[in-house]
Amino acid sequence: MSKQFISNTVEDTIRFGRRLGSILKSGDLIALCGELGSGKTVLTKGIARGLGVKHAERVNSPSFLILKEYRGRLPLYHFDIYRLNDAFEFMTVDYARYFYGNGVSVIEWADKIEKLLPDEFLKIDLSVKGENERRMRVLPYGHRYKRIAERLC
């Protein structure tokens, strides 16, 4: 089962992310996939807002750090693994501590570490459809994430 959401503006993407962030719980994992410029970081800003992160507008891609942590209602663990060559490199990060920790993990370029993802998570494939239009395909893996997808779309 997949659901789809079309965003016509940056604000639409942020609102979608905010709705998602507002219903996430400790231990949830969001896997973002899509080409450069498809809106992964913008969506993460919205998720941060939904989690109550102060200054969520400052959320940016942690490309050179792999991980940035933000404090809100729950901690947000924002991974960007664009620069990694393979899943083996990601294993040098204590990722399980975050994936199964007390916060929410959002992973940009998650398709690079697909084999390391837990059995249950929410995958969002983002694609560019026009100058401002983005398509977000929501793919839930597991019962909890199916319920989240139904609430979102």
Protein backbone atom coordinates (compact mmCIF):
# COMPACT_ATOMS: atom_id res chain seq x y z
CA MET A 1 0.00 0.00 0.00
CA SER A 2 1.38 3.38 -0.94
CA LYS A 3 -0.16 6.80 -0.65
CA GLN A 4 0.73 9.93 -2.54
CA PHE A 5 0.84 13.62 -1.74
CA ILE A 6 1.51 16.41 -4.24
CA SER A 7 3.22 19.55 -2.98
CA ASN A 8 2.97 22.71 -5.06
CA THR A 9 5.08 24.91 -2.79
CA VAL A 10 7.80 24.73 -0.16
CA GLU A 11 5.11 25.63 2.36
CA ASP A 12 3.01 22.60 1.30
CA THR A 13 6.00 20.34 1.92
CA ILE A 14 6.65 21.92 5.32
CA ARG A 15 2.97 21.55 6.30
CA PHE A 16 3.02 17.88 5.27
CA GLY A 17 6.17 17.34 7.34
CA ARG A 18 4.68 19.20 10.29
CA ARG A 19 1.62 16.93 10.25
CA LEU A 20 3.90 13.91 10.12
CA GLY A 21 6.13 15.18 12.93
CA SER A 22 3.15 15.87 15.16
CA ILE A 23 2.10 12.20 15.16
CA LEU A 24 5.53 10.58 15.45
CA LYS A 25 6.58 8.73 18.59
CA SER A 26 9.84 7.74 20.20
CA GLY A 27 11.70 5.17 18.08
CA ASP A 28 10.02 6.11 14.79
CA LEU A 29 12.14 6.09 11.66
CA ILE A 30 11.50 8.02 8.46
CA ALA A 31 13.52 7.02 5.38
CA LEU A 32 13.68 9.75 2.73
CA CYS A 33 14.70 8.94 -0.83
CA GLY A 34 14.85 11.12 -3.90
CA GLU A 35 17.10 13.06 -6.21
CA LEU A 36 18.92 16.25 -5.30
CA GLY A 37 16.46 19.12 -4.93
CA SER A 38 13.43 16.90 -4.43
CA GLY A 39 12.63 18.35 -0.99
CA LYS A 40 14.10 15.93 1.53
CA THR A 41 15.59 18.65 3.74
CA VAL A 42 12.50 20.86 3.41
CA LEU A 43 10.35 17.92 4.51
CA THR A 44 12.71 17.37 7.45
CA LYS A 45 12.24 21.03 8.49
CA GLY A 46 8.50 20.38 8.60
CA ILE A 47 8.99 17.22 10.65
CA ALA A 48 11.14 19.26 13.05
CA ARG A 49 8.31 21.78 13.42
CA GLY A 50 5.86 19.00 14.15
CA LEU A 51 8.22 17.72 16.83
CA GLY A 52 8.38 21.17 18.41
CA VAL A 53 12.02 21.86 17.55
CA LYS A 54 12.84 25.49 18.30
CA HIS A 55 14.14 27.34 15.26
CA ALA A 56 13.14 24.48 12.94
CA GLU A 57 13.83 26.83 10.04
CA ARG A 58 17.53 26.37 10.85
CA VAL A 59 17.38 22.64 10.17
CA ASN A 60 19.70 22.01 7.26
CA SER A 61 21.39 19.13 5.55
CA PRO A 62 24.09 17.62 7.74
CA SER A 63 25.97 16.48 4.61
CA PHE A 64 29.42 16.94 6.08
CA LEU A 65 28.53 15.63 9.55
CA ILE A 66 26.26 12.67 8.69
CA LEU A 67 24.15 13.42 11.79
CA LYS A 68 22.65 16.46 13.48
CA GLU A 69 20.55 16.29 16.63
CA TYR A 70 17.74 18.70 17.45
CA ARG A 71 15.70 18.97 20.65
CA GLY A 72 11.93 19.19 20.64
CA ARG A 73 9.06 17.20 22.12
CA LEU A 74 11.28 14.27 21.14
CA PRO A 75 14.87 14.38 19.93
CA LEU A 76 15.23 14.54 16.15
CA TYR A 77 18.16 12.59 14.72
CA HIS A 78 18.70 13.96 11.22
CA PHE A 79 20.99 11.80 9.10
CA ASP A 80 22.23 12.73 5.65
CA ILE A 81 24.25 9.96 4.10
CA TYR A 82 24.67 11.44 0.62
CA ARG A 83 28.46 11.42 0.88
CA LEU A 84 28.76 7.80 2.03
CA ASN A 85 29.78 5.21 -0.52
CA ASP A 86 27.98 2.23 1.00
CA ALA A 87 26.20 0.80 4.03
CA PHE A 88 29.49 -0.40 5.50
CA GLU A 89 30.63 3.22 6.02
CA PHE A 90 27.37 3.95 7.85
CA MET A 91 28.05 1.08 10.22
CA THR A 92 30.90 3.12 11.73
CA VAL A 93 28.22 5.40 13.20
CA ASP A 94 26.47 3.91 16.22
CA TYR A 95 23.24 4.04 14.23
CA ALA A 96 21.32 1.48 16.32
CA ARG A 97 21.60 3.83 19.30
CA TYR A 98 19.56 6.35 17.31
CA PHE A 99 17.26 4.05 15.33
CA TYR A 100 16.13 2.31 18.52
CA GLY A 101 16.60 5.25 20.87
CA ASN A 102 14.23 7.71 22.46
CA GLY A 103 13.91 10.05 19.50
CA VAL A 104 12.83 10.14 15.86
CA SER A 105 15.33 9.28 13.11
CA VAL A 106 15.02 10.94 9.70
CA ILE A 107 17.44 9.64 7.09
CA GLU A 108 18.09 11.45 3.83
CA TRP A 109 19.34 9.17 1.03
CA ALA A 110 18.12 6.15 3.01
CA ASP A 111 18.21 3.94 -0.09
CA LYS A 112 22.02 3.79 0.40
CA ILE A 113 21.59 1.84 3.65
CA GLU A 114 18.42 -0.09 2.89
CA LYS A 115 19.89 -3.32 4.30
CA LEU A 116 20.48 -1.66 7.68
CA LEU A 117 16.96 -0.29 8.11
CA PRO A 118 14.70 -2.00 10.65
CA ASP A 119 11.77 -4.14 9.46
CA GLU A 120 9.30 -1.36 10.23
CA PHE A 121 9.69 2.25 9.08
CA LEU A 122 8.06 4.88 6.88
CA LYS A 123 9.66 5.45 3.50
CA ILE A 124 8.92 8.60 1.55
CA ASP A 125 10.07 8.78 -2.06
CA LEU A 126 10.26 12.38 -3.24
CA SER A 127 10.43 13.39 -6.88
CA VAL A 128 10.50 16.66 -8.82
CA LYS A 129 7.47 17.11 -11.05
CA GLY A 130 7.90 20.76 -12.00
CA GLU A 131 9.64 23.93 -10.95
CA ASN A 132 7.83 23.95 -7.60
CA GLU A 133 5.82 20.73 -7.70
CA ARG A 134 7.00 17.70 -5.76
CA ARG A 135 5.46 14.26 -5.44
CA MET A 136 5.81 12.39 -2.16
CA ARG A 137 5.04 8.69 -2.30
CA VAL A 138 4.48 7.35 1.21
CA LEU A 139 5.38 3.67 1.64
CA PRO A 140 4.70 2.21 5.08
CA TYR A 141 6.53 -0.86 6.33
CA GLY A 142 4.69 -2.27 9.34
CA HIS A 143 1.30 -1.74 11.01
CA ARG A 144 2.19 1.43 12.90
CA TYR A 145 3.43 3.10 9.75
CA LYS A 146 0.35 2.02 7.79
CA ARG A 147 -1.75 3.90 10.36
CA ILE A 148 0.53 6.93 10.06
CA ALA A 149 0.23 6.87 6.24
CA GLU A 150 -3.56 6.69 6.47
CA ARG A 151 -3.62 9.73 8.75
CA LEU A 152 -1.31 11.70 6.45
CA CYS A 153 -2.82 11.16 3.01
